[in-house]
Amino acid sequence: MSTAEVRPPLPPFTRESAIEKVRLAEDGWNSRDPERVSLAYTLDTQWRNRAEFAHNREQAKAFLTRKWAKELDYRLIKELWAHGDNRIAVRYAYEWHDDSGNWFRSYGNENWEFDENGLMFNRYACINDMPIKESDRKFHWPLGRRPDDHPGLSDLGL
């Protein structure tokens, strides 16, 4: 890894810096830009996402490309669950639809571990998908970054 790759905030995390890191990750994923998102991970990052594994940044980028080709109109909210030193745990929910117009809300938890430059080297995700009606959607902002005044998961009762 190049020492030029630095992604603040850096560990060890305080509550405030962990919340900032979570929001930056949420913003990145809501961009649905695999190249941009992949730069937050080490070159040798290790992922478990459902039953899929990635063993480096390029595999993570390929995973994200496939993900957002399938999960259309993707909107995500992440919330800090816990933090310590160089680790952060989050819970999240995201809404999306498939190419047949079937809507889902996916609920998950992730455990993250960061290197000294603030790049994530371990990401472990557990996710469950729940079919929803389009009328049951709760995430209605325009595609991209969630507006600051949009409720978070706890505010929405999720």
Protein backbone atom coordinates (compact mmCIF):
# COMPACT_ATOMS: atom_id res chain seq x y z
CA MET A 1 0.00 0.00 0.00
CA SER A 2 1.20 3.48 -0.83
CA THR A 3 1.70 5.75 2.15
CA ALA A 4 -0.09 8.41 0.05
CA GLU A 5 -3.32 6.46 0.64
CA VAL A 6 -4.73 8.01 3.79
CA ARG A 7 -8.46 8.11 4.61
CA PRO A 8 -9.23 10.20 7.70
CA PRO A 9 -10.48 9.96 10.29
CA LEU A 10 -7.73 7.66 11.48
CA PRO A 11 -7.70 5.16 14.34
CA PRO A 12 -7.81 5.05 17.25
CA PHE A 13 -11.44 6.12 16.94
CA THR A 14 -13.36 8.31 19.33
CA ARG A 15 -17.15 8.20 19.28
CA GLU A 16 -17.17 11.35 17.14
CA SER A 17 -14.55 10.13 14.66
CA ALA A 18 -16.26 6.72 14.40
CA ILE A 19 -19.58 8.43 13.59
CA GLU A 20 -17.77 10.49 10.95
CA LYS A 21 -16.17 7.35 9.45
CA VAL A 22 -19.57 5.64 9.29
CA ARG A 23 -21.16 8.61 7.53
CA LEU A 24 -18.29 8.81 5.04
CA ALA A 25 -18.75 5.12 4.27
CA GLU A 26 -22.51 5.62 3.85
CA ASP A 27 -21.90 8.55 1.50
CA GLY A 28 -19.46 6.51 -0.55
CA TRP A 29 -21.78 3.53 -0.91
CA ASN A 30 -24.70 5.82 -1.80
CA SER A 31 -22.61 7.12 -4.70
CA ARG A 32 -22.86 3.61 -6.19
CA ASP A 33 -19.42 4.21 -7.72
CA PRO A 34 -17.35 1.01 -7.36
CA GLU A 35 -14.06 2.75 -8.17
CA ARG A 36 -14.60 5.51 -5.61
CA VAL A 37 -15.80 3.13 -2.91
CA SER A 38 -12.98 0.63 -3.47
CA LEU A 39 -10.38 3.30 -2.65
CA ALA A 40 -11.47 3.19 1.01
CA TYR A 41 -10.06 -0.35 1.30
CA THR A 42 -6.51 -1.69 1.48
CA LEU A 43 -5.07 -3.38 -1.60
CA ASP A 44 -5.25 -6.70 0.29
CA THR A 45 -8.63 -6.10 1.93
CA GLN A 46 -10.56 -9.16 3.11
CA TRP A 47 -14.36 -9.21 2.80
CA ARG A 48 -17.15 -11.55 3.64
CA ASN A 49 -20.45 -10.33 2.23
CA ARG A 50 -23.25 -12.88 2.58
CA ALA A 51 -21.69 -15.99 1.01
CA GLU A 52 -19.23 -14.06 -1.17
CA PHE A 53 -15.61 -13.37 -0.32
CA ALA A 54 -13.22 -10.75 -1.69
CA HIS A 55 -9.48 -11.05 -1.09
CA ASN A 56 -8.27 -7.72 -2.47
CA ARG A 57 -9.40 -4.29 -3.63
CA GLU A 58 -9.97 -5.39 -7.24
CA GLN A 59 -12.25 -8.23 -6.15
CA ALA A 60 -14.12 -5.82 -3.87
CA LYS A 61 -14.58 -3.41 -6.79
CA ALA A 62 -15.87 -6.24 -9.02
CA PHE A 63 -18.29 -7.26 -6.25
CA LEU A 64 -19.61 -3.68 -5.98
CA THR A 65 -20.03 -3.45 -9.76
CA ARG A 66 -22.19 -6.62 -9.74
CA LYS A 67 -24.08 -5.46 -6.65
CA TRP A 68 -25.21 -2.13 -8.07
CA ALA A 69 -26.06 -3.65 -11.46
CA LYS A 70 -28.56 -5.88 -9.59
CA GLU A 71 -29.68 -3.63 -6.70
CA LEU A 72 -31.30 -0.72 -8.54
CA ASP A 73 -32.19 2.67 -7.01
CA TYR A 74 -30.06 1.69 -3.99
CA ARG A 75 -30.32 3.96 -0.93
CA LEU A 76 -28.47 3.15 2.30
CA ILE A 77 -28.44 4.36 5.91
CA LYS A 78 -25.66 3.25 8.28
CA GLU A 79 -25.52 3.80 12.04
CA LEU A 80 -22.66 3.35 14.48
CA TRP A 81 -23.20 0.40 16.81
CA ALA A 82 -19.84 0.24 18.62
CA HIS A 83 -16.20 1.25 18.23
CA GLY A 84 -12.78 0.75 19.77
CA ASP A 85 -9.20 1.43 18.74
CA ASN A 86 -9.15 0.49 15.03
CA ARG A 87 -12.55 -1.27 14.84
CA ILE A 88 -16.07 -0.10 14.13
CA ALA A 89 -19.33 -2.06 14.15
CA VAL A 90 -22.34 -0.70 12.25
CA ARG A 91 -25.90 -1.63 11.60
CA TYR A 92 -27.59 -0.54 8.42
CA ALA A 93 -30.57 -0.84 6.13
CA TYR A 94 -30.88 -0.17 2.45
CA GLU A 95 -33.71 -0.19 -0.03
CA TRP A 96 -33.50 -1.29 -3.65
CA HIS A 97 -35.44 -3.00 -6.39
CA ASP A 98 -34.59 -5.67 -8.91
CA ASP A 99 -35.02 -5.42 -12.68
CA SER A 100 -38.61 -6.70 -12.33
CA GLY A 101 -39.58 -3.84 -10.01
CA ASN A 102 -39.68 -5.94 -6.81
CA TRP A 103 -38.65 -3.81 -3.82
CA PHE A 104 -36.58 -4.97 -0.87
CA ARG A 105 -35.26 -3.58 2.39
CA SER A 106 -32.00 -5.24 3.34
CA TYR A 107 -30.92 -5.18 6.98
CA GLY A 108 -27.37 -5.84 8.05
CA ASN A 109 -24.50 -5.57 10.45
CA GLU A 110 -20.86 -5.05 9.56
CA ASN A 111 -17.64 -5.34 11.50
CA TRP A 112 -14.81 -3.19 10.18
CA GLU A 113 -11.09 -3.16 10.96
CA PHE A 114 -8.78 -0.37 9.76
CA ASP A 115 -5.06 0.07 9.22
CA GLU A 116 -3.13 3.06 10.58
CA ASN A 117 -3.93 5.08 7.41
CA GLY A 118 -7.68 4.72 7.90
CA LEU A 119 -8.12 2.17 5.10
CA MET A 120 -10.38 -0.78 5.86
CA PHE A 121 -8.61 -4.13 5.69
CA ASN A 122 -11.36 -6.38 7.11
CA ARG A 123 -15.08 -6.13 6.37
CA TYR A 124 -17.50 -8.78 7.59
CA ALA A 125 -21.15 -8.30 6.60
CA CYS A 126 -24.28 -10.22 7.55
CA ILE A 127 -27.38 -9.21 5.58
CA ASN A 128 -31.05 -10.24 5.34
CA ASP A 129 -33.42 -9.15 2.57
CA MET A 130 -37.08 -8.45 3.23
CA PRO A 131 -39.48 -7.98 0.32
CA ILE A 132 -41.48 -4.76 0.71
CA LYS A 133 -44.15 -2.99 -1.30
CA GLU A 134 -43.03 0.17 -3.03
CA SER A 135 -45.52 2.03 -0.83
CA ASP A 136 -43.65 0.77 2.28
CA ARG A 137 -40.39 2.44 1.30
CA LYS A 138 -38.90 4.86 3.83
CA PHE A 139 -35.83 6.12 1.92
CA HIS A 140 -37.07 8.70 -0.60
CA TRP A 141 -34.20 11.14 -1.14
CA PRO A 142 -32.82 11.65 -4.66
CA LEU A 143 -30.14 9.10 -5.56
CA GLY A 144 -26.79 9.94 -4.00
CA ARG A 145 -25.86 11.22 -0.54
CA ARG A 146 -28.58 11.03 2.12
CA PRO A 147 -29.56 14.60 3.06
CA ASP A 148 -28.43 15.70 6.51
CA ASP A 149 -32.03 16.31 7.59
CA HIS A 150 -33.25 12.84 6.53
CA PRO A 151 -33.99 10.62 9.54
CA GLY A 152 -31.53 7.90 10.48
CA LEU A 153 -32.32 4.28 11.33
CA SER A 154 -33.23 4.88 14.97
CA ASP A 155 -35.43 7.85 14.02
CA LEU A 156 -37.26 5.67 11.51
CA GLY A 157 -37.79 2.87 14.03
CA LEU A 158 -35.58 0.51 12.08
